[in-house]
């Protein structure tokens, strides 16, 4: 890892994957800012990142999360609800899972197989 890696790292905003419990489900969101909250016992999650879809393929999980949190400036999560905060290189797929089974609550539409 040379100086260019350090420069690129310093110039780009970090990206975090935040997993937390909400009404018996595990939510996985991506955000640019995560910090100890000014409200004691809360974690602040801000600058939420959602996919921008230009085509017809729409992820229903992403749409549901955008509908629920799209207008949120700062999400204040109780510390005990936060399961994990990971700093990641790139955004993956957001998810809502059942807390007990771990299975996705909102599943993506099945896509047709690629033509040969």
PDB file of N, CA and C in Angstrom:
ATOM      1  N   UNK A   1       0.845  -1.167   0.000  1.00  0.00           N
ATOM      2  CA  UNK A   1       0.000   0.000   0.000  1.00  0.00           C
ATOM      3  C   UNK A   1       0.889   1.227   0.000  1.00  0.00           C
ATOM      4  N   UNK A   2       0.871   1.926  -1.089  1.00  0.00           N
ATOM      5  CA  UNK A   2       1.738   3.080  -1.222  1.00  0.00           C
ATOM      6  C   UNK A   2       1.042   4.372  -0.848  1.00  0.00           C
ATOM      7  N   UNK A   3       1.720   5.462  -1.188  1.00  0.00           N
ATOM      8  CA  UNK A   3       1.202   6.787  -0.873  1.00  0.00           C
ATOM      9  C   UNK A   3      -0.098   7.082  -1.618  1.00  0.00           C
ATOM     10  N   UNK A   4      -0.252   6.549  -2.837  1.00  0.00           N
ATOM     11  CA  UNK A   4      -1.477   6.817  -3.607  1.00  0.00           C
ATOM     12  C   UNK A   4      -2.695   6.239  -2.888  1.00  0.00           C
ATOM     13  N   UNK A   5      -2.543   5.080  -2.250  1.00  0.00           N
ATOM     14  CA  UNK A   5      -3.665   4.495  -1.500  1.00  0.00           C
ATOM     15  C   UNK A   5      -4.062   5.424  -0.362  1.00  0.00           C
ATOM     16  N   UNK A   6      -3.065   5.934   0.368  1.00  0.00           N
ATOM     17  CA  UNK A   6      -3.350   6.842   1.476  1.00  0.00           C
ATOM     18  C   UNK A   6      -4.009   8.119   0.985  1.00  0.00           C
ATOM     19  N   UNK A   7      -3.553   8.644  -0.149  1.00  0.00           N
ATOM     20  CA  UNK A   7      -4.134   9.863  -0.705  1.00  0.00           C
ATOM     21  C   UNK A   7      -5.586   9.622  -1.113  1.00  0.00           C
ATOM     22  N   UNK A   8      -5.843   8.536  -1.837  1.00  0.00           N
ATOM     23  CA  UNK A   8      -7.221   8.214  -2.267  1.00  0.00           C
ATOM     24  C   UNK A   8      -8.120   7.984  -1.066  1.00  0.00           C
ATOM     25  N   UNK A   9      -7.608   7.330  -0.050  1.00  0.00           N
ATOM     26  CA  UNK A   9      -8.378   7.046   1.167  1.00  0.00           C
ATOM     27  C   UNK A   9      -8.731   8.344   1.888  1.00  0.00           C
ATOM     28  N   UNK A  10      -7.771   9.259   1.939  1.00  0.00           N
ATOM     29  CA  UNK A  10      -8.007  10.533   2.621  1.00  0.00           C
ATOM     30  C   UNK A  10      -8.986  11.408   1.843  1.00  0.00           C
ATOM     31  N   UNK A  11      -8.984  11.301   0.531  1.00  0.00           N
ATOM     32  CA  UNK A  11      -9.820  12.158  -0.305  1.00  0.00           C
ATOM     33  C   UNK A  11     -11.254  11.642  -0.418  1.00  0.00           C
ATOM     34  N   UNK A  12     -11.463  10.350  -0.262  1.00  0.00           N
ATOM     35  CA  UNK A  12     -12.817   9.803  -0.385  1.00  0.00           C
ATOM     36  C   UNK A  12     -13.461   9.699   0.991  1.00  0.00           C
ATOM     37  N   UNK A  13     -14.784   9.870   1.003  1.00  0.00           N
ATOM     38  CA  UNK A  13     -15.503   9.720   2.267  1.00  0.00           C
ATOM     39  C   UNK A  13     -15.628   8.240   2.574  1.00  0.00           C
ATOM     40  N   UNK A  14     -15.495   7.862   3.828  1.00  0.00           N
ATOM     41  CA  UNK A  14     -15.667   6.442   4.165  1.00  0.00           C
ATOM     42  C   UNK A  14     -17.119   6.020   3.947  1.00  0.00           C
ATOM     43  N   UNK A  15     -17.308   4.732   3.739  1.00  0.00           N
ATOM     44  CA  UNK A  15     -18.635   4.151   3.570  1.00  0.00           C
ATOM     45  C   UNK A  15     -18.815   3.080   4.635  1.00  0.00           C
ATOM     46  N   UNK A  16     -19.937   3.130   5.338  1.00  0.00           N
ATOM     47  CA  UNK A  16     -20.195   2.189   6.428  1.00  0.00           C
ATOM     48  C   UNK A  16     -21.441   1.368   6.134  1.00  0.00           C
ATOM     49  N   UNK A  17     -21.366   0.095   6.474  1.00  0.00           N
ATOM     50  CA  UNK A  17     -22.531  -0.781   6.464  1.00  0.00           C
ATOM     51  C   UNK A  17     -22.973  -0.891   7.918  1.00  0.00           C
ATOM     52  N   UNK A  18     -24.207  -0.480   8.187  1.00  0.00           N
ATOM     53  CA  UNK A  18     -24.732  -0.464   9.555  1.00  0.00           C
ATOM     54  C   UNK A  18     -25.852  -1.494   9.651  1.00  0.00           C
ATOM     55  N   UNK A  19     -25.719  -2.448  10.573  1.00  0.00           N
ATOM     56  CA  UNK A  19     -26.743  -3.460  10.816  1.00  0.00           C
ATOM     57  C   UNK A  19     -27.356  -3.192  12.180  1.00  0.00           C
ATOM     58  N   UNK A  20     -28.696  -3.129  12.218  1.00  0.00           N
ATOM     59  CA  UNK A  20     -29.369  -2.832  13.479  1.00  0.00           C
ATOM     60  C   UNK A  20     -30.727  -3.513  13.541  1.00  0.00           C
ATOM     61  N   UNK A  21     -31.212  -3.736  14.768  1.00  0.00           N
ATOM     62  CA  UNK A  21     -32.527  -4.346  15.003  1.00  0.00           C
ATOM     63  C   UNK A  21     -33.606  -3.276  14.981  1.00  0.00           C
ATOM     64  N   UNK A  22     -34.724  -3.591  14.304  1.00  0.00           N
ATOM     65  CA  UNK A  22     -35.854  -2.677  14.236  1.00  0.00           C
ATOM     66  C   UNK A  22     -37.129  -3.511  14.111  1.00  0.00           C
ATOM     67  N   UNK A  23     -37.950  -3.537  15.153  1.00  0.00           N
ATOM     68  CA  UNK A  23     -39.231  -4.261  15.159  1.00  0.00           C
ATOM     69  C   UNK A  23     -39.076  -5.726  14.741  1.00  0.00           C
ATOM     70  N   UNK A  24     -38.116  -6.425  15.321  1.00  0.00           N
ATOM     71  CA  UNK A  24     -37.935  -7.852  15.073  1.00  0.00           C
ATOM     72  C   UNK A  24     -37.260  -8.185  13.761  1.00  0.00           C
ATOM     73  N   UNK A  25     -36.722  -7.178  13.101  1.00  0.00           N
ATOM     74  CA  UNK A  25     -36.026  -7.399  11.835  1.00  0.00           C
ATOM     75  C   UNK A  25     -34.638  -6.771  11.918  1.00  0.00           C
ATOM     76  N   UNK A  26     -33.705  -7.333  11.141  1.00  0.00           N
ATOM     77  CA  UNK A  26     -32.359  -6.780  11.052  1.00  0.00           C
ATOM     78  C   UNK A  26     -32.290  -5.958   9.772  1.00  0.00           C
ATOM     79  N   UNK A  27     -32.025  -4.675   9.917  1.00  0.00           N
ATOM     80  CA  UNK A  27     -31.878  -3.773   8.777  1.00  0.00           C
ATOM     81  C   UNK A  27     -30.394  -3.607   8.490  1.00  0.00           C
ATOM     82  N   UNK A  28     -30.041  -3.597   7.209  1.00  0.00           N
ATOM     83  CA  UNK A  28     -28.665  -3.343   6.783  1.00  0.00           C
ATOM     84  C   UNK A  28     -28.693  -2.152   5.842  1.00  0.00           C
ATOM     85  N   UNK A  29     -28.145  -1.033   6.298  1.00  0.00           N
ATOM     86  CA  UNK A  29     -28.113   0.206   5.527  1.00  0.00           C
ATOM     87  C   UNK A  29     -26.676   0.643   5.304  1.00  0.00           C
ATOM     88  N   UNK A  30     -26.485   1.504   4.324  1.00  0.00           N
ATOM     89  CA  UNK A  30     -25.172   2.078   4.057  1.00  0.00           C
ATOM     90  C   UNK A  30     -25.225   3.577   4.307  1.00  0.00           C
ATOM     91  N   UNK A  31     -24.153   4.113   4.904  1.00  0.00           N
ATOM     92  CA  UNK A  31     -24.109   5.534   5.240  1.00  0.00           C
ATOM     93  C   UNK A  31     -22.678   6.043   5.122  1.00  0.00           C
ATOM     94  N   UNK A  32     -22.561   7.346   4.951  1.00  0.00           N
ATOM     95  CA  UNK A  32     -21.246   7.989   4.854  1.00  0.00           C
ATOM     96  C   UNK A  32     -20.737   8.467   6.207  1.00  0.00           C
ATOM     97  N   UNK A  33     -21.646   8.588   7.194  1.00  0.00           N
ATOM     98  CA  UNK A  33     -21.209   9.119   8.486  1.00  0.00           C
ATOM     99  C   UNK A  33     -21.858   8.335   9.617  1.00  0.00           C
ATOM    100  N   UNK A  34     -21.034   7.852  10.550  1.00  0.00           N
ATOM    101  CA  UNK A  34     -21.495   7.156  11.748  1.00  0.00           C
ATOM    102  C   UNK A  34     -20.680   7.699  12.917  1.00  0.00           C
ATOM    103  N   UNK A  35     -21.375   8.065  14.001  1.00  0.00           N
ATOM    104  CA  UNK A  35     -20.667   8.651  15.144  1.00  0.00           C
ATOM    105  C   UNK A  35     -21.432   8.375  16.427  1.00  0.00           C
ATOM    106  N   UNK A  36     -20.735   8.528  17.555  1.00  0.00           N
ATOM    107  CA  UNK A  36     -21.424   8.493  18.843  1.00  0.00           C
ATOM    108  C   UNK A  36     -22.355   9.691  18.861  1.00  0.00           C
ATOM    109  N   UNK A  37     -23.578   9.463  19.282  1.00  0.00           N
ATOM    110  CA  UNK A  37     -24.571  10.525  19.220  1.00  0.00           C
ATOM    111  C   UNK A  37     -24.414  11.578  20.294  1.00  0.00           C
ATOM    112  N   UNK A  38     -24.939  12.754  19.998  1.00  0.00           N
ATOM    113  CA  UNK A  38     -24.974  13.808  21.003  1.00  0.00           C
ATOM    114  C   UNK A  38     -26.042  13.487  22.048  1.00  0.00           C
ATOM    115  N   UNK A  39     -26.997  12.620  21.665  1.00  0.00           N
ATOM    116  CA  UNK A  39     -27.964  12.087  22.625  1.00  0.00           C
ATOM    117  C   UNK A  39     -27.302  10.883  23.279  1.00  0.00           C
ATOM    118  N   UNK A  40     -27.172  10.891  24.591  1.00  0.00           N
ATOM    119  CA  UNK A  40     -26.466   9.824  25.276  1.00  0.00           C
ATOM    120  C   UNK A  40     -27.137   8.474  25.008  1.00  0.00           C
ATOM    121  N   UNK A  41     -26.343   7.474  24.635  1.00  0.00           N
ATOM    122  CA  UNK A  41     -26.846   6.129  24.410  1.00  0.00           C
ATOM    123  C   UNK A  41     -27.311   5.868  22.986  1.00  0.00           C
ATOM    124  N   UNK A  42     -27.081   6.820  22.088  1.00  0.00           N
ATOM    125  CA  UNK A  42     -27.515   6.657  20.705  1.00  0.00           C
ATOM    126  C   UNK A  42     -26.326   6.761  19.754  1.00  0.00           C
ATOM    127  N   UNK A  43     -26.444   6.088  18.609  1.00  0.00           N
ATOM    128  CA  UNK A  43     -25.466   6.160  17.538  1.00  0.00           C
ATOM    129  C   UNK A  43     -26.107   6.961  16.414  1.00  0.00           C
ATOM    130  N   UNK A  44     -25.384   7.961  15.902  1.00  0.00           N
ATOM    131  CA  UNK A  44     -25.892   8.775  14.803  1.00  0.00           C
ATOM    132  C   UNK A  44     -25.426   8.189  13.479  1.00  0.00           C
ATOM    133  N   UNK A  45     -26.362   7.956  12.590  1.00  0.00           N
ATOM    134  CA  UNK A  45     -26.072   7.457  11.249  1.00  0.00           C
ATOM    135  C   UNK A  45     -26.623   8.501  10.284  1.00  0.00           C
ATOM    136  N   UNK A  46     -25.746   9.077   9.455  1.00  0.00           N
ATOM    137  CA  UNK A  46     -26.168  10.156   8.562  1.00  0.00           C
ATOM    138  C   UNK A  46     -25.638   9.921   7.155  1.00  0.00           C
ATOM    139  N   UNK A  47     -26.177  10.706   6.231  1.00  0.00           N
ATOM    140  CA  UNK A  47     -25.814  10.616   4.819  1.00  0.00           C
ATOM    141  C   UNK A  47     -26.030   9.190   4.304  1.00  0.00           C
ATOM    142  N   UNK A  48     -27.264   8.712   4.453  1.00  0.00           N
ATOM    143  CA  UNK A  48     -27.606   7.362   3.992  1.00  0.00           C
ATOM    144  C   UNK A  48     -27.405   7.261   2.485  1.00  0.00           C
ATOM    145  N   UNK A  49     -26.940   6.095   2.033  1.00  0.00           N
ATOM    146  CA  UNK A  49     -26.632   5.874   0.622  1.00  0.00           C
ATOM    147  C   UNK A  49     -27.613   4.844   0.070  1.00  0.00           C
ATOM    148  N   UNK A  50     -28.304   5.234  -1.008  1.00  0.00           N
ATOM    149  CA  UNK A  50     -29.227   4.338  -1.697  1.00  0.00           C
ATOM    150  C   UNK A  50     -28.792   4.229  -3.147  1.00  0.00           C
ATOM    151  N   UNK A  51     -29.097   3.090  -3.784  1.00  0.00           N
ATOM    152  CA  UNK A  51     -28.790   2.908  -5.200  1.00  0.00           C
ATOM    153  C   UNK A  51     -29.654   3.839  -6.027  1.00  0.00           C
ATOM    154  N   UNK A  52     -29.076   4.319  -7.117  1.00  0.00           N
ATOM    155  CA  UNK A  52     -29.833   5.108  -8.078  1.00  0.00           C
ATOM    156  C   UNK A  52     -30.045   4.208  -9.289  1.00  0.00           C
ATOM    157  N   UNK A  53     -31.306   3.929  -9.597  1.00  0.00           N
ATOM    158  CA  UNK A  53     -31.628   3.017 -10.696  1.00  0.00           C
ATOM    159  C   UNK A  53     -31.993   3.819 -11.932  1.00  0.00           C
ATOM    160  N   UNK A  54     -31.264   3.566 -13.026  1.00  0.00           N
ATOM    161  CA  UNK A  54     -31.558   4.235 -14.283  1.00  0.00           C
ATOM    162  C   UNK A  54     -32.448   3.381 -15.171  1.00  0.00           C
ATOM    163  N   UNK A  55     -32.470   2.077 -14.959  1.00  0.00           N
ATOM    164  CA  UNK A  55     -33.225   1.181 -15.833  1.00  0.00           C
ATOM    165  C   UNK A  55     -34.487   0.680 -15.159  1.00  0.00           C
ATOM    166  N   UNK A  56     -34.996  -0.409 -15.677  1.00  0.00           N
ATOM    167  CA  UNK A  56     -36.231  -0.991 -15.165  1.00  0.00           C
ATOM    168  C   UNK A  56     -36.010  -1.914 -13.980  1.00  0.00           C
ATOM    169  N   UNK A  57     -34.781  -2.376 -13.772  1.00  0.00           N
ATOM    170  CA  UNK A  57     -34.510  -3.300 -12.676  1.00  0.00           C
ATOM    171  C   UNK A  57     -34.546  -2.516 -11.364  1.00  0.00           C
ATOM    172  N   UNK A  58     -35.466  -2.888 -10.500  1.00  0.00           N
ATOM    173  CA  UNK A  58     -35.638  -2.202  -9.225  1.00  0.00           C
ATOM    174  C   UNK A  58     -35.557  -3.228  -8.104  1.00  0.00           C
ATOM    175  N   UNK A  59     -34.764  -2.931  -7.101  1.00  0.00           N
ATOM    176  CA  UNK A  59     -34.651  -3.805  -5.944  1.00  0.00           C
ATOM    177  C   UNK A  59     -35.723  -3.387  -4.938  1.00  0.00           C
ATOM    178  N   UNK A  60     -36.718  -4.255  -4.656  1.00  0.00           N
ATOM    179  CA  UNK A  60     -37.796  -3.872  -3.742  1.00  0.00           C
ATOM    180  C   UNK A  60     -37.316  -3.561  -2.323  1.00  0.00           C
ATOM    181  N   UNK A  61     -36.232  -4.204  -1.891  1.00  0.00           N
ATOM    182  CA  UNK A  61     -35.692  -3.903  -0.563  1.00  0.00           C
ATOM    183  C   UNK A  61     -35.172  -2.474  -0.532  1.00  0.00           C
ATOM    184  N   UNK A  62     -34.412  -2.116  -1.554  1.00  0.00           N
ATOM    185  CA  UNK A  62     -33.853  -0.764  -1.633  1.00  0.00           C
ATOM    186  C   UNK A  62     -34.979   0.273  -1.688  1.00  0.00           C
ATOM    187  N   UNK A  63     -36.028  -0.030  -2.436  1.00  0.00           N
ATOM    188  CA  UNK A  63     -37.168   0.889  -2.547  1.00  0.00           C
ATOM    189  C   UNK A  63     -37.884   1.036  -1.208  1.00  0.00           C
ATOM    190  N   UNK A  64     -38.038  -0.070  -0.491  1.00  0.00           N
ATOM    191  CA  UNK A  64     -38.695  -0.015   0.815  1.00  0.00           C
ATOM    192  C   UNK A  64     -37.876   0.799   1.816  1.00  0.00           C
ATOM    193  N   UNK A  65     -36.561   0.587   1.812  1.00  0.00           N
ATOM    194  CA  UNK A  65     -35.685   1.342   2.702  1.00  0.00           C
ATOM    195  C   UNK A  65     -35.668   2.821   2.330  1.00  0.00           C
ATOM    196  N   UNK A  66     -35.657   3.117   1.027  1.00  0.00           N
ATOM    197  CA  UNK A  66     -35.684   4.508   0.580  1.00  0.00           C
ATOM    198  C   UNK A  66     -36.993   5.171   0.992  1.00  0.00           C
ATOM    199  N   UNK A  67     -38.118   4.438   0.897  1.00  0.00           N
ATOM    200  CA  UNK A  67     -39.413   4.985   1.307  1.00  0.00           C
ATOM    201  C   UNK A  67     -39.432   5.271   2.810  1.00  0.00           C
ATOM    202  N   UNK A  68     -38.805   4.387   3.594  1.00  0.00           N
ATOM    203  CA  UNK A  68     -38.812   4.552   5.047  1.00  0.00           C
ATOM    204  C   UNK A  68     -37.800   5.588   5.536  1.00  0.00           C
ATOM    205  N   UNK A  69     -36.607   5.625   4.916  1.00  0.00           N
ATOM    206  CA  UNK A  69     -35.527   6.461   5.427  1.00  0.00           C
ATOM    207  C   UNK A  69     -35.036   7.531   4.447  1.00  0.00           C
ATOM    208  N   UNK A  70     -35.662   7.651   3.288  1.00  0.00           N
ATOM    209  CA  UNK A  70     -35.185   8.565   2.249  1.00  0.00           C
ATOM    210  C   UNK A  70     -35.111  10.019   2.669  1.00  0.00           C
ATOM    211  N   UNK A  71     -36.027  10.483   3.512  1.00  0.00           N
ATOM    212  CA  UNK A  71     -36.035  11.880   3.946  1.00  0.00           C
ATOM    213  C   UNK A  71     -35.336  12.079   5.291  1.00  0.00           C
ATOM    214  N   UNK A  72     -34.680  11.047   5.787  1.00  0.00           N
ATOM    215  CA  UNK A  72     -34.019  11.106   7.099  1.00  0.00           C
ATOM    216  C   UNK A  72     -32.673  11.811   6.976  1.00  0.00           C
ATOM    217  N   UNK A  73     -32.483  12.860   7.771  1.00  0.00           N
ATOM    218  CA  UNK A  73     -31.192  13.559   7.781  1.00  0.00           C
ATOM    219  C   UNK A  73     -30.199  12.813   8.667  1.00  0.00           C
ATOM    220  N   UNK A  74     -30.618  12.477   9.887  1.00  0.00           N
ATOM    221  CA  UNK A  74     -29.768  11.733  10.824  1.00  0.00           C
ATOM    222  C   UNK A  74     -30.640  10.689  11.505  1.00  0.00           C
ATOM    223  N   UNK A  75     -30.187   9.455  11.475  1.00  0.00           N
ATOM    224  CA  UNK A  75     -30.884   8.357  12.128  1.00  0.00           C
ATOM    225  C   UNK A  75     -30.223   8.154  13.490  1.00  0.00           C
ATOM    226  N   UNK A  76     -30.991   8.277  14.566  1.00  0.00           N
ATOM    227  CA  UNK A  76     -30.462   8.082  15.919  1.00  0.00           C
ATOM    228  C   UNK A  76     -30.892   6.692  16.375  1.00  0.00           C
ATOM    229  N   UNK A  77     -29.930   5.787  16.451  1.00  0.00           N
ATOM    230  CA  UNK A  77     -30.218   4.404  16.826  1.00  0.00           C
ATOM    231  C   UNK A  77     -29.768   4.150  18.256  1.00  0.00           C
ATOM    232  N   UNK A  78     -30.610   3.503  19.075  1.00  0.00           N
ATOM    233  CA  UNK A  78     -30.155   3.135  20.423  1.00  0.00           C
ATOM    234  C   UNK A  78     -28.950   2.192  20.315  1.00  0.00           C
ATOM    235  N   UNK A  79     -27.951   2.409  21.158  1.00  0.00           N
ATOM    236  CA  UNK A  79     -26.729   1.600  21.087  1.00  0.00           C
ATOM    237  C   UNK A  79     -27.008   0.106  21.136  1.00  0.00           C
ATOM    238  N   UNK A  80     -27.977  -0.296  21.972  1.00  0.00           N
ATOM    239  CA  UNK A  80     -28.250  -1.729  22.110  1.00  0.00           C
ATOM    240  C   UNK A  80     -28.922  -2.320  20.867  1.00  0.00           C
ATOM    241  N   UNK A  81     -29.436  -1.487  19.960  1.00  0.00           N
ATOM    242  CA  UNK A  81     -30.052  -1.978  18.730  1.00  0.00           C
ATOM    243  C   UNK A  81     -29.020  -2.192  17.628  1.00  0.00           C
ATOM    244  N   UNK A  82     -27.855  -1.561  17.753  1.00  0.00           N
ATOM    245  CA  UNK A  82     -26.821  -1.663  16.717  1.00  0.00           C
ATOM    246  C   UNK A  82     -26.092  -2.990  16.873  1.00  0.00           C
ATOM    247  N   UNK A  83     -26.120  -3.790  15.826  1.00  0.00           N
ATOM    248  CA  UNK A  83     -25.456  -5.091  15.846  1.00  0.00           C
ATOM    249  C   UNK A  83     -24.018  -4.996  15.352  1.00  0.00           C
ATOM    250  N   UNK A  84     -23.810  -4.159  14.306  1.00  0.00           N
ATOM    251  CA  UNK A  84     -22.496  -4.119  13.701  1.00  0.00           C
ATOM    252  C   UNK A  84     -22.368  -2.855  12.856  1.00  0.00           C
ATOM    253  N   UNK A  85     -21.163  -2.297  12.836  1.00  0.00           N
ATOM    254  CA  UNK A  85     -20.819  -1.196  11.943  1.00  0.00           C
ATOM    255  C   UNK A  85     -19.525  -1.599  11.256  1.00  0.00           C
ATOM    256  N   UNK A  86     -19.559  -1.667   9.932  1.00  0.00           N
ATOM    257  CA  UNK A  86     -18.385  -2.059   9.158  1.00  0.00           C
ATOM    258  C   UNK A  86     -18.018  -0.944   8.199  1.00  0.00           C
ATOM    259  N   UNK A  87     -16.747  -0.612   8.122  1.00  0.00           N
ATOM    260  CA  UNK A  87     -16.293   0.297   7.074  1.00  0.00           C
ATOM    261  C   UNK A  87     -15.984  -0.572   5.864  1.00  0.00           C
ATOM    262  N   UNK A  88     -16.610  -0.259   4.723  1.00  0.00           N
ATOM    263  CA  UNK A  88     -16.480  -1.091   3.532  1.00  0.00           C
ATOM    264  C   UNK A  88     -15.924  -0.280   2.371  1.00  0.00           C
ATOM    265  N   UNK A  89     -15.411  -0.978   1.371  1.00  0.00           N
ATOM    266  CA  UNK A  89     -14.854  -0.335   0.178  1.00  0.00           C
ATOM    267  C   UNK A  89     -15.957   0.127  -0.774  1.00  0.00           C
ATOM    268  N   UNK A  90     -17.003  -0.705  -0.936  1.00  0.00           N
ATOM    269  CA  UNK A  90     -18.077  -0.372  -1.875  1.00  0.00           C
ATOM    270  C   UNK A  90     -19.407  -0.824  -1.322  1.00  0.00           C
ATOM    271  N   UNK A  91     -20.456  -0.209  -1.823  1.00  0.00           N
ATOM    272  CA  UNK A  91     -21.801  -0.514  -1.360  1.00  0.00           C
ATOM    273  C   UNK A  91     -22.240  -1.875  -1.873  1.00  0.00           C
ATOM    274  N   UNK A  92     -22.804  -2.665  -0.986  1.00  0.00           N
ATOM    275  CA  UNK A  92     -23.398  -3.935  -1.360  1.00  0.00           C
ATOM    276  C   UNK A  92     -24.906  -3.780  -1.401  1.00  0.00           C
ATOM    277  N   UNK A  93     -25.595  -4.874  -1.299  1.00  0.00           N
ATOM    278  CA  UNK A  93     -27.048  -4.859  -1.347  1.00  0.00           C
ATOM    279  C   UNK A  93     -27.603  -4.613   0.054  1.00  0.00           C
ATOM    280  N   UNK A  94     -28.461  -3.607   0.175  1.00  0.00           N
ATOM    281  CA  UNK A  94     -29.139  -3.361   1.442  1.00  0.00           C
ATOM    282  C   UNK A  94     -30.110  -4.503   1.689  1.00  0.00           C
ATOM    283  N   UNK A  95     -30.463  -4.738   2.949  1.00  0.00           N
ATOM    284  CA  UNK A  95     -31.326  -5.879   3.246  1.00  0.00           C
ATOM    285  C   UNK A  95     -32.189  -5.609   4.469  1.00  0.00           C
ATOM    286  N   UNK A  96     -33.293  -6.322   4.511  1.00  0.00           N
ATOM    287  CA  UNK A  96     -34.125  -6.415   5.708  1.00  0.00           C
ATOM    288  C   UNK A  96     -34.306  -7.908   5.939  1.00  0.00           C
ATOM    289  N   UNK A  97     -33.862  -8.395   7.093  1.00  0.00           N
ATOM    290  CA  UNK A  97     -33.907  -9.823   7.393  1.00  0.00           C
ATOM    291  C   UNK A  97     -34.725 -10.076   8.651  1.00  0.00           C
ATOM    292  N   UNK A  98     -35.284 -11.263   8.732  1.00  0.00           N
ATOM    293  CA  UNK A  98     -35.950 -11.688   9.955  1.00  0.00           C
ATOM    294  C   UNK A  98     -34.866 -11.909  11.004  1.00  0.00           C
ATOM    295  N   UNK A  99     -35.064 -11.374  12.205  1.00  0.00           N
ATOM    296  CA  UNK A  99     -34.035 -11.458  13.238  1.00  0.00           C
ATOM    297  C   UNK A  99     -33.784 -12.890  13.703  1.00  0.00           C
ATOM    298  N   UNK A 100     -34.792 -13.752  13.656  1.00  0.00           N
ATOM    299  CA  UNK A 100     -34.635 -15.121  14.140  1.00  0.00           C
ATOM    300  C   UNK A 100     -34.056 -16.035  13.062  1.00  0.00           C
ATOM    301  N   UNK A 101     -34.674 -16.045  11.882  1.00  0.00           N
ATOM    302  CA  UNK A 101     -34.243 -16.972  10.832  1.00  0.00           C
ATOM    303  C   UNK A 101     -33.095 -16.430   9.991  1.00  0.00           C
ATOM    304  N   UNK A 102     -32.957 -15.109   9.906  1.00  0.00           N
ATOM    305  CA  UNK A 102     -31.917 -14.520   9.069  1.00  0.00           C
ATOM    306  C   UNK A 102     -32.298 -14.436   7.609  1.00  0.00           C
ATOM    307  N   UNK A 103     -33.499 -14.923   7.270  1.00  0.00           N
ATOM    308  CA  UNK A 103     -33.940 -14.877   5.874  1.00  0.00           C
ATOM    309  C   UNK A 103     -34.430 -13.487   5.520  1.00  0.00           C
ATOM    310  N   UNK A 104     -34.257 -13.134   4.246  1.00  0.00           N
ATOM    311  CA  UNK A 104     -34.697 -11.826   3.776  1.00  0.00           C
ATOM    312  C   UNK A 104     -36.209 -11.711   3.889  1.00  0.00           C
ATOM    313  N   UNK A 105     -36.657 -10.554   4.370  1.00  0.00           N
ATOM    314  CA  UNK A 105     -38.086 -10.281   4.481  1.00  0.00           C
ATOM    315  C   UNK A 105     -38.603  -9.787   3.144  1.00  0.00           C
ATOM    316  N   UNK A 106     -37.841  -8.940   2.492  1.00  0.00           N
ATOM    317  CA  UNK A 106     -38.177  -8.454   1.162  1.00  0.00           C
ATOM    318  C   UNK A 106     -37.178  -9.084   0.216  1.00  0.00           C
ATOM    319  N   UNK A 107     -37.652  -9.863  -0.726  1.00  0.00           N
ATOM    320  CA  UNK A 107     -36.748 -10.550  -1.632  1.00  0.00           C
ATOM    321  C   UNK A 107     -36.756  -9.869  -2.992  1.00  0.00           C
ATOM    322  N   UNK A 108     -35.608  -9.827  -3.655  1.00  0.00           N
ATOM    323  CA  UNK A 108     -35.551  -9.241  -4.985  1.00  0.00           C
ATOM    324  C   UNK A 108     -36.353 -10.071  -5.984  1.00  0.00           C
ATOM    325  N   UNK A 109     -36.816  -9.409  -7.029  1.00  0.00           N
ATOM    326  CA  UNK A 109     -37.514 -10.130  -8.086  1.00  0.00           C
ATOM    327  C   UNK A 109     -36.552 -11.102  -8.734  1.00  0.00           C
ATOM    328  N   UNK A 110     -37.031 -12.314  -9.077  1.00  0.00           N
ATOM    329  CA  UNK A 110     -36.137 -13.247  -9.774  1.00  0.00           C
ATOM    330  C   UNK A 110     -35.841 -12.719 -11.165  1.00  0.00           C
ATOM    331  N   UNK A 111     -34.586 -12.821 -11.571  1.00  0.00           N
ATOM    332  CA  UNK A 111     -34.203 -12.374 -12.897  1.00  0.00           C
ATOM    333  C   UNK A 111     -34.108 -13.568 -13.822  1.00  0.00           C
ATOM    334  N   UNK A 112     -34.448 -13.390 -15.096  1.00  0.00           N
ATOM    335  CA  UNK A 112     -34.314 -14.507 -16.033  1.00  0.00           C
ATOM    336  C   UNK A 112     -32.849 -14.865 -16.221  1.00  0.00           C
ATOM    337  N   UNK A 113     -32.611 -16.137 -16.564  1.00  0.00           N
ATOM    338  CA  UNK A 113     -31.238 -16.591 -16.783  1.00  0.00           C
ATOM    339  C   UNK A 113     -30.650 -15.863 -17.990  1.00  0.00           C
ATOM    340  N   UNK A 114     -29.327 -15.685 -17.962  1.00  0.00           N
ATOM    341  CA  UNK A 114     -28.656 -15.024 -19.086  1.00  0.00           C
ATOM    342  C   UNK A 114     -28.722 -15.908 -20.312  1.00  0.00           C
ATOM    343  N   UNK A 115     -28.985 -15.331 -21.481  1.00  0.00           N
ATOM    344  CA  UNK A 115     -28.991 -16.147 -22.696  1.00  0.00           C
ATOM    345  C   UNK A 115     -27.598 -16.656 -23.002  1.00  0.00           C
ATOM    346  N   UNK A 116     -27.525 -17.814 -23.600  1.00  0.00           N
ATOM    347  CA  UNK A 116     -26.212 -18.425 -23.902  1.00  0.00           C
ATOM    348  C   UNK A 116     -25.646 -17.888 -25.167  1.00  0.00           C
TER     349      UNK A 116
END
